[in-house]
């Protein structure tokens, strides 16, 4: 998962991180990208109040929690939505990435963020405390948290086990879930940069360089 990155803090994320190696969009990935679009279309048809709950439930049902070492043979690999949906496997950041891009596709661009947090509950039972979730609207005073642990979406104030370290979207990087900017996430978070590049290619395979 993100054990080493959490231990070293934000500095490690700015200069290190192992992503999935770049690859051309294959037929399974294209099919998964199309499935993503169908999910987004279904979600757009739901009332806004129901969308977060449905999105969270669907993604949690579609993906089996699998540590990175088991799914891709590496300690830390961040998958695109297509890669996660194609394999049906992923860990916390992979769930969060699918949910983030679905929210974005449903019209939440500039509102949703991925949140890298310390999970105190996991630390108490000897598991890695590093955890990634999504908040549906960073502008809200008490943003809704979408998690992969099976719990329904809940306001951040109802999740005392989560200690946000930093949050990010396609460009911005912030301290905790505040408005204090730390730079460009696509520049400072190398695994995230790889996700953005591959996801763009998988959505538009015809635009890839020959």
C-alpha atoms as a PDB file:
ATOM      1  CA  UNK A   1       0.000   0.000   0.000  1.00  0.00           C
ATOM      2  CA  UNK A   2       1.423   3.372   0.971  1.00  0.00           C
ATOM      3  CA  UNK A   3       3.449   2.300   4.011  1.00  0.00           C
ATOM      4  CA  UNK A   4       6.798   3.702   2.917  1.00  0.00           C
ATOM      5  CA  UNK A   5       5.323   6.917   1.565  1.00  0.00           C
ATOM      6  CA  UNK A   6       3.559   7.556   4.860  1.00  0.00           C
ATOM      7  CA  UNK A   7       6.668   6.810   6.900  1.00  0.00           C
ATOM      8  CA  UNK A   8       8.729   9.273   4.910  1.00  0.00           C
ATOM      9  CA  UNK A   9       5.940  11.859   4.656  1.00  0.00           C
ATOM     10  CA  UNK A  10       5.156  14.249   1.861  1.00  0.00           C
ATOM     11  CA  UNK A  11       8.815  14.589   0.885  1.00  0.00           C
ATOM     12  CA  UNK A  12       8.896  10.970  -0.241  1.00  0.00           C
ATOM     13  CA  UNK A  13       5.874  11.497  -2.437  1.00  0.00           C
ATOM     14  CA  UNK A  14       7.533  14.425  -4.164  1.00  0.00           C
ATOM     15  CA  UNK A  15      10.565  12.476  -5.277  1.00  0.00           C
ATOM     16  CA  UNK A  16       9.642   8.789  -5.244  1.00  0.00           C
ATOM     17  CA  UNK A  17       6.835   6.345  -5.791  1.00  0.00           C
ATOM     18  CA  UNK A  18       6.428   3.319  -7.962  1.00  0.00           C
ATOM     19  CA  UNK A  19       3.633   3.465 -10.497  1.00  0.00           C
ATOM     20  CA  UNK A  20       2.348   1.000 -13.016  1.00  0.00           C
ATOM     21  CA  UNK A  21       4.654   1.120 -16.029  1.00  0.00           C
ATOM     22  CA  UNK A  22       3.351   3.003 -19.060  1.00  0.00           C
ATOM     23  CA  UNK A  23       1.559   0.785 -21.530  1.00  0.00           C
ATOM     24  CA  UNK A  24      -0.695   1.093 -24.528  1.00  0.00           C
ATOM     25  CA  UNK A  25      -4.428   0.712 -23.984  1.00  0.00           C
ATOM     26  CA  UNK A  26      -5.351  -2.933 -24.598  1.00  0.00           C
ATOM     27  CA  UNK A  27      -8.796  -4.277 -25.437  1.00  0.00           C
ATOM     28  CA  UNK A  28      -9.590  -5.095 -21.764  1.00  0.00           C
ATOM     29  CA  UNK A  29      -8.579  -1.581 -20.725  1.00  0.00           C
ATOM     30  CA  UNK A  30     -10.689  -0.011 -23.463  1.00  0.00           C
ATOM     31  CA  UNK A  31     -13.652  -2.134 -22.384  1.00  0.00           C
ATOM     32  CA  UNK A  32     -13.085  -1.057 -18.784  1.00  0.00           C
ATOM     33  CA  UNK A  33     -12.893   2.609 -19.830  1.00  0.00           C
ATOM     34  CA  UNK A  34     -16.241   2.197 -21.607  1.00  0.00           C
ATOM     35  CA  UNK A  35     -17.677   0.562 -18.499  1.00  0.00           C
ATOM     36  CA  UNK A  36     -16.496   3.564 -16.501  1.00  0.00           C
ATOM     37  CA  UNK A  37     -18.386   5.879 -18.868  1.00  0.00           C
ATOM     38  CA  UNK A  38     -21.565   3.811 -18.479  1.00  0.00           C
ATOM     39  CA  UNK A  39     -21.264   4.016 -14.692  1.00  0.00           C
ATOM     40  CA  UNK A  40     -20.808   7.775 -14.898  1.00  0.00           C
ATOM     41  CA  UNK A  41     -23.885   8.078 -17.112  1.00  0.00           C
ATOM     42  CA  UNK A  42     -25.989   6.087 -14.637  1.00  0.00           C
ATOM     43  CA  UNK A  43     -24.744   8.207 -11.746  1.00  0.00           C
ATOM     44  CA  UNK A  44     -25.523  11.455 -13.556  1.00  0.00           C
ATOM     45  CA  UNK A  45     -29.137  10.280 -13.745  1.00  0.00           C
ATOM     46  CA  UNK A  46     -29.439  10.045  -9.956  1.00  0.00           C
ATOM     47  CA  UNK A  47     -30.424  12.893  -7.633  1.00  0.00           C
ATOM     48  CA  UNK A  48     -27.369  14.595  -6.177  1.00  0.00           C
ATOM     49  CA  UNK A  49     -28.242  13.499  -2.643  1.00  0.00           C
ATOM     50  CA  UNK A  50     -28.169   9.823  -3.692  1.00  0.00           C
ATOM     51  CA  UNK A  51     -25.156   9.962  -5.980  1.00  0.00           C
ATOM     52  CA  UNK A  52     -22.367   9.686  -3.403  1.00  0.00           C
ATOM     53  CA  UNK A  53     -23.930   6.704  -1.650  1.00  0.00           C
ATOM     54  CA  UNK A  54     -24.616   4.858  -4.913  1.00  0.00           C
ATOM     55  CA  UNK A  55     -21.160   5.620  -6.309  1.00  0.00           C
ATOM     56  CA  UNK A  56     -19.455   4.426  -3.133  1.00  0.00           C
ATOM     57  CA  UNK A  57     -21.495   1.216  -3.005  1.00  0.00           C
ATOM     58  CA  UNK A  58     -21.029   0.344  -6.680  1.00  0.00           C
ATOM     59  CA  UNK A  59     -17.263   0.770  -6.680  1.00  0.00           C
ATOM     60  CA  UNK A  60     -16.883  -1.155  -3.423  1.00  0.00           C
ATOM     61  CA  UNK A  61     -18.885  -4.023  -4.940  1.00  0.00           C
ATOM     62  CA  UNK A  62     -17.001  -4.037  -8.241  1.00  0.00           C
ATOM     63  CA  UNK A  63     -13.488  -4.153  -6.763  1.00  0.00           C
ATOM     64  CA  UNK A  64     -11.970  -6.761  -4.449  1.00  0.00           C
ATOM     65  CA  UNK A  65      -9.531  -5.327  -1.931  1.00  0.00           C
ATOM     66  CA  UNK A  66      -6.098  -6.672  -2.889  1.00  0.00           C
ATOM     67  CA  UNK A  67      -2.710  -5.440  -1.594  1.00  0.00           C
ATOM     68  CA  UNK A  68      -0.351  -4.091  -4.240  1.00  0.00           C
ATOM     69  CA  UNK A  69       2.147  -6.903  -3.762  1.00  0.00           C
ATOM     70  CA  UNK A  70      -0.552  -9.421  -4.670  1.00  0.00           C
ATOM     71  CA  UNK A  71      -2.190  -7.487  -7.500  1.00  0.00           C
ATOM     72  CA  UNK A  72       0.851  -6.082  -9.318  1.00  0.00           C
ATOM     73  CA  UNK A  73       3.892  -7.528  -7.540  1.00  0.00           C
ATOM     74  CA  UNK A  74       5.061  -4.160  -6.231  1.00  0.00           C
ATOM     75  CA  UNK A  75       4.911  -2.428  -2.881  1.00  0.00           C
ATOM     76  CA  UNK A  76       3.098   0.589  -4.239  1.00  0.00           C
ATOM     77  CA  UNK A  77       1.337   0.963  -7.579  1.00  0.00           C
ATOM     78  CA  UNK A  78      -1.432   3.389  -8.353  1.00  0.00           C
ATOM     79  CA  UNK A  79      -3.928   2.217 -10.972  1.00  0.00           C
ATOM     80  CA  UNK A  80      -6.142   4.153 -13.342  1.00  0.00           C
ATOM     81  CA  UNK A  81      -9.913   3.576 -13.215  1.00  0.00           C
ATOM     82  CA  UNK A  82      -9.637   1.349 -16.301  1.00  0.00           C
ATOM     83  CA  UNK A  83      -6.849  -0.743 -14.791  1.00  0.00           C
ATOM     84  CA  UNK A  84      -8.789  -1.246 -11.559  1.00  0.00           C
ATOM     85  CA  UNK A  85     -12.087  -2.058 -13.272  1.00  0.00           C
ATOM     86  CA  UNK A  86     -10.376  -4.396 -15.756  1.00  0.00           C
ATOM     87  CA  UNK A  87      -8.716  -6.444 -13.017  1.00  0.00           C
ATOM     88  CA  UNK A  88     -11.441  -6.063 -10.385  1.00  0.00           C
ATOM     89  CA  UNK A  89      -8.656  -5.659  -7.831  1.00  0.00           C
ATOM     90  CA  UNK A  90      -7.041  -2.795  -5.975  1.00  0.00           C
ATOM     91  CA  UNK A  91      -6.210  -1.292  -2.621  1.00  0.00           C
ATOM     92  CA  UNK A  92      -7.406   1.899  -0.967  1.00  0.00           C
ATOM     93  CA  UNK A  93      -5.915   4.411  -3.396  1.00  0.00           C
ATOM     94  CA  UNK A  94      -7.255   2.459  -6.374  1.00  0.00           C
ATOM     95  CA  UNK A  95     -10.817   2.537  -5.015  1.00  0.00           C
ATOM     96  CA  UNK A  96     -10.374   6.234  -4.282  1.00  0.00           C
ATOM     97  CA  UNK A  97      -9.057   7.015  -7.772  1.00  0.00           C
ATOM     98  CA  UNK A  98     -12.064   5.352  -9.452  1.00  0.00           C
ATOM     99  CA  UNK A  99     -14.447   7.278  -7.179  1.00  0.00           C
ATOM    100  CA  UNK A 100     -12.639  10.561  -7.731  1.00  0.00           C
ATOM    101  CA  UNK A 101     -12.851  10.335 -11.519  1.00  0.00           C
ATOM    102  CA  UNK A 102     -16.500   9.224 -11.382  1.00  0.00           C
ATOM    103  CA  UNK A 103     -17.324  12.273  -9.273  1.00  0.00           C
ATOM    104  CA  UNK A 104     -15.401  14.404 -11.756  1.00  0.00           C
ATOM    105  CA  UNK A 105     -17.342  12.886 -14.660  1.00  0.00           C
ATOM    106  CA  UNK A 106     -20.605  13.625 -12.841  1.00  0.00           C
ATOM    107  CA  UNK A 107     -19.875  17.329 -12.669  1.00  0.00           C
ATOM    108  CA  UNK A 108     -17.854  17.644  -9.467  1.00  0.00           C
ATOM    109  CA  UNK A 109     -14.733  18.943 -11.208  1.00  0.00           C
ATOM    110  CA  UNK A 110     -12.806  21.186  -8.853  1.00  0.00           C
ATOM    111  CA  UNK A 111     -14.793  19.970  -5.842  1.00  0.00           C
ATOM    112  CA  UNK A 112     -13.773  16.369  -5.138  1.00  0.00           C
ATOM    113  CA  UNK A 113     -10.337  15.538  -3.738  1.00  0.00           C
ATOM    114  CA  UNK A 114      -8.362  12.443  -2.880  1.00  0.00           C
ATOM    115  CA  UNK A 115      -7.185  12.514   0.728  1.00  0.00           C
ATOM    116  CA  UNK A 116      -4.040  10.820   2.008  1.00  0.00           C
ATOM    117  CA  UNK A 117      -4.683  10.194   5.696  1.00  0.00           C
ATOM    118  CA  UNK A 118      -3.482   8.374   8.749  1.00  0.00           C
ATOM    119  CA  UNK A 119      -6.070   5.821   9.845  1.00  0.00           C
ATOM    120  CA  UNK A 120      -5.808   5.479  13.615  1.00  0.00           C
ATOM    121  CA  UNK A 121      -8.087   2.439  13.642  1.00  0.00           C
ATOM    122  CA  UNK A 122      -5.683   0.514  11.401  1.00  0.00           C
ATOM    123  CA  UNK A 123      -2.694   1.576  13.477  1.00  0.00           C
ATOM    124  CA  UNK A 124      -4.323   0.208  16.636  1.00  0.00           C
ATOM    125  CA  UNK A 125      -4.526  -3.312  15.168  1.00  0.00           C
ATOM    126  CA  UNK A 126      -0.996  -3.259  13.771  1.00  0.00           C
ATOM    127  CA  UNK A 127      -1.881  -2.520  10.146  1.00  0.00           C
ATOM    128  CA  UNK A 128      -0.402   0.233   8.011  1.00  0.00           C
ATOM    129  CA  UNK A 129      -1.954   3.550   9.060  1.00  0.00           C
ATOM    130  CA  UNK A 130      -1.592   4.991   5.539  1.00  0.00           C
ATOM    131  CA  UNK A 131      -4.992   5.269   3.896  1.00  0.00           C
ATOM    132  CA  UNK A 132      -6.572   7.073   0.932  1.00  0.00           C
ATOM    133  CA  UNK A 133     -10.206   8.185   0.718  1.00  0.00           C
ATOM    134  CA  UNK A 134     -12.206  10.676  -1.340  1.00  0.00           C
ATOM    135  CA  UNK A 135     -14.068  13.738  -0.142  1.00  0.00           C
ATOM    136  CA  UNK A 136     -16.973  14.656  -2.385  1.00  0.00           C
ATOM    137  CA  UNK A 137     -16.759  18.439  -1.967  1.00  0.00           C
ATOM    138  CA  UNK A 138     -13.702  20.088  -0.442  1.00  0.00           C
ATOM    139  CA  UNK A 139     -15.582  23.395  -0.278  1.00  0.00           C
ATOM    140  CA  UNK A 140     -18.003  22.017   2.316  1.00  0.00           C
ATOM    141  CA  UNK A 141     -17.436  22.792   5.988  1.00  0.00           C
ATOM    142  CA  UNK A 142     -17.775  19.067   6.761  1.00  0.00           C
ATOM    143  CA  UNK A 143     -17.083  17.160   3.521  1.00  0.00           C
ATOM    144  CA  UNK A 144     -18.546  13.732   2.808  1.00  0.00           C
ATOM    145  CA  UNK A 145     -15.990  10.890   2.945  1.00  0.00           C
ATOM    146  CA  UNK A 146     -16.166   7.966   0.494  1.00  0.00           C
ATOM    147  CA  UNK A 147     -14.155   4.998   1.754  1.00  0.00           C
ATOM    148  CA  UNK A 148     -13.470   1.407   0.731  1.00  0.00           C
ATOM    149  CA  UNK A 149     -13.865  -0.098   4.215  1.00  0.00           C
ATOM    150  CA  UNK A 150     -17.554  -0.879   3.742  1.00  0.00           C
ATOM    151  CA  UNK A 151     -18.946   1.924   5.869  1.00  0.00           C
ATOM    152  CA  UNK A 152     -21.513   4.184   4.165  1.00  0.00           C
ATOM    153  CA  UNK A 153     -20.386   7.692   3.228  1.00  0.00           C
ATOM    154  CA  UNK A 154     -20.174   9.932   6.275  1.00  0.00           C
ATOM    155  CA  UNK A 155     -19.092  13.501   7.052  1.00  0.00           C
ATOM    156  CA  UNK A 156     -15.427  13.843   7.950  1.00  0.00           C
ATOM    157  CA  UNK A 157     -16.426  14.904  11.466  1.00  0.00           C
ATOM    158  CA  UNK A 158     -17.913  11.413  11.906  1.00  0.00           C
ATOM    159  CA  UNK A 159     -14.584   9.786  11.053  1.00  0.00           C
ATOM    160  CA  UNK A 160     -12.347  10.580  14.049  1.00  0.00           C
ATOM    161  CA  UNK A 161     -10.161   7.639  13.014  1.00  0.00           C
ATOM    162  CA  UNK A 162      -8.948   9.601   9.952  1.00  0.00           C
ATOM    163  CA  UNK A 163      -6.177  12.209  10.256  1.00  0.00           C
ATOM    164  CA  UNK A 164      -5.817  13.907   6.848  1.00  0.00           C
ATOM    165  CA  UNK A 165      -2.190  14.603   5.888  1.00  0.00           C
ATOM    166  CA  UNK A 166      -2.705  16.121   2.447  1.00  0.00           C
ATOM    167  CA  UNK A 167      -5.334  16.177  -0.278  1.00  0.00           C
ATOM    168  CA  UNK A 168      -5.091  16.559  -4.038  1.00  0.00           C
ATOM    169  CA  UNK A 169      -6.915  16.564  -7.342  1.00  0.00           C
ATOM    170  CA  UNK A 170      -5.775  16.603 -10.960  1.00  0.00           C
ATOM    171  CA  UNK A 171      -3.580  19.633 -10.310  1.00  0.00           C
ATOM    172  CA  UNK A 172      -3.742  21.041  -6.790  1.00  0.00           C
ATOM    173  CA  UNK A 173      -2.129  19.769  -3.606  1.00  0.00           C
ATOM    174  CA  UNK A 174      -3.258  20.994  -0.187  1.00  0.00           C
ATOM    175  CA  UNK A 175      -2.314  20.516   3.446  1.00  0.00           C
ATOM    176  CA  UNK A 176      -4.901  18.261   5.066  1.00  0.00           C
ATOM    177  CA  UNK A 177      -8.299  19.161   3.622  1.00  0.00           C
ATOM    178  CA  UNK A 178      -7.656  22.891   3.984  1.00  0.00           C
ATOM    179  CA  UNK A 179      -7.254  25.554   1.313  1.00  0.00           C
ATOM    180  CA  UNK A 180      -3.509  25.889   2.042  1.00  0.00           C
ATOM    181  CA  UNK A 181      -1.867  24.999  -1.241  1.00  0.00           C
ATOM    182  CA  UNK A 182       1.355  22.988  -1.395  1.00  0.00           C
ATOM    183  CA  UNK A 183       1.873  23.012  -5.148  1.00  0.00           C
ATOM    184  CA  UNK A 184       0.851  21.060  -8.224  1.00  0.00           C
ATOM    185  CA  UNK A 185      -0.034  17.444  -7.450  1.00  0.00           C
ATOM    186  CA  UNK A 186       0.772  16.340 -11.004  1.00  0.00           C
ATOM    187  CA  UNK A 187       4.313  17.636 -10.493  1.00  0.00           C
ATOM    188  CA  UNK A 188       4.966  16.637  -6.891  1.00  0.00           C
ATOM    189  CA  UNK A 189       3.243  13.234  -6.719  1.00  0.00           C
ATOM    190  CA  UNK A 190       4.955  10.993  -9.253  1.00  0.00           C
ATOM    191  CA  UNK A 191       2.544   8.028  -8.975  1.00  0.00           C
ATOM    192  CA  UNK A 192      -0.366  10.410  -9.531  1.00  0.00           C
ATOM    193  CA  UNK A 193       1.314  11.906 -12.593  1.00  0.00           C
ATOM    194  CA  UNK A 194       1.585   8.415 -14.045  1.00  0.00           C
ATOM    195  CA  UNK A 195      -2.104   7.757 -13.381  1.00  0.00           C
ATOM    196  CA  UNK A 196      -3.113  10.978 -15.136  1.00  0.00           C
ATOM    197  CA  UNK A 197      -0.959  10.220 -18.169  1.00  0.00           C
ATOM    198  CA  UNK A 198      -2.165   6.626 -18.565  1.00  0.00           C
ATOM    199  CA  UNK A 199      -5.811   7.483 -17.910  1.00  0.00           C
ATOM    200  CA  UNK A 200      -5.724  10.121 -20.640  1.00  0.00           C
ATOM    201  CA  UNK A 201      -4.278   7.559 -23.055  1.00  0.00           C
ATOM    202  CA  UNK A 202      -6.828   4.908 -22.071  1.00  0.00           C
ATOM    203  CA  UNK A 203      -9.727   7.309 -22.595  1.00  0.00           C
ATOM    204  CA  UNK A 204      -8.407   8.476 -25.973  1.00  0.00           C
ATOM    205  CA  UNK A 205      -6.380   5.547 -27.388  1.00  0.00           C
ATOM    206  CA  UNK A 206      -6.471   6.999 -30.901  1.00  0.00           C
ATOM    207  CA  UNK A 207      -4.451  10.008 -29.745  1.00  0.00           C
ATOM    208  CA  UNK A 208      -1.461   7.968 -28.569  1.00  0.00           C
ATOM    209  CA  UNK A 209       1.774   8.513 -30.389  1.00  0.00           C
ATOM    210  CA  UNK A 210       2.497   5.788 -32.898  1.00  0.00           C
END
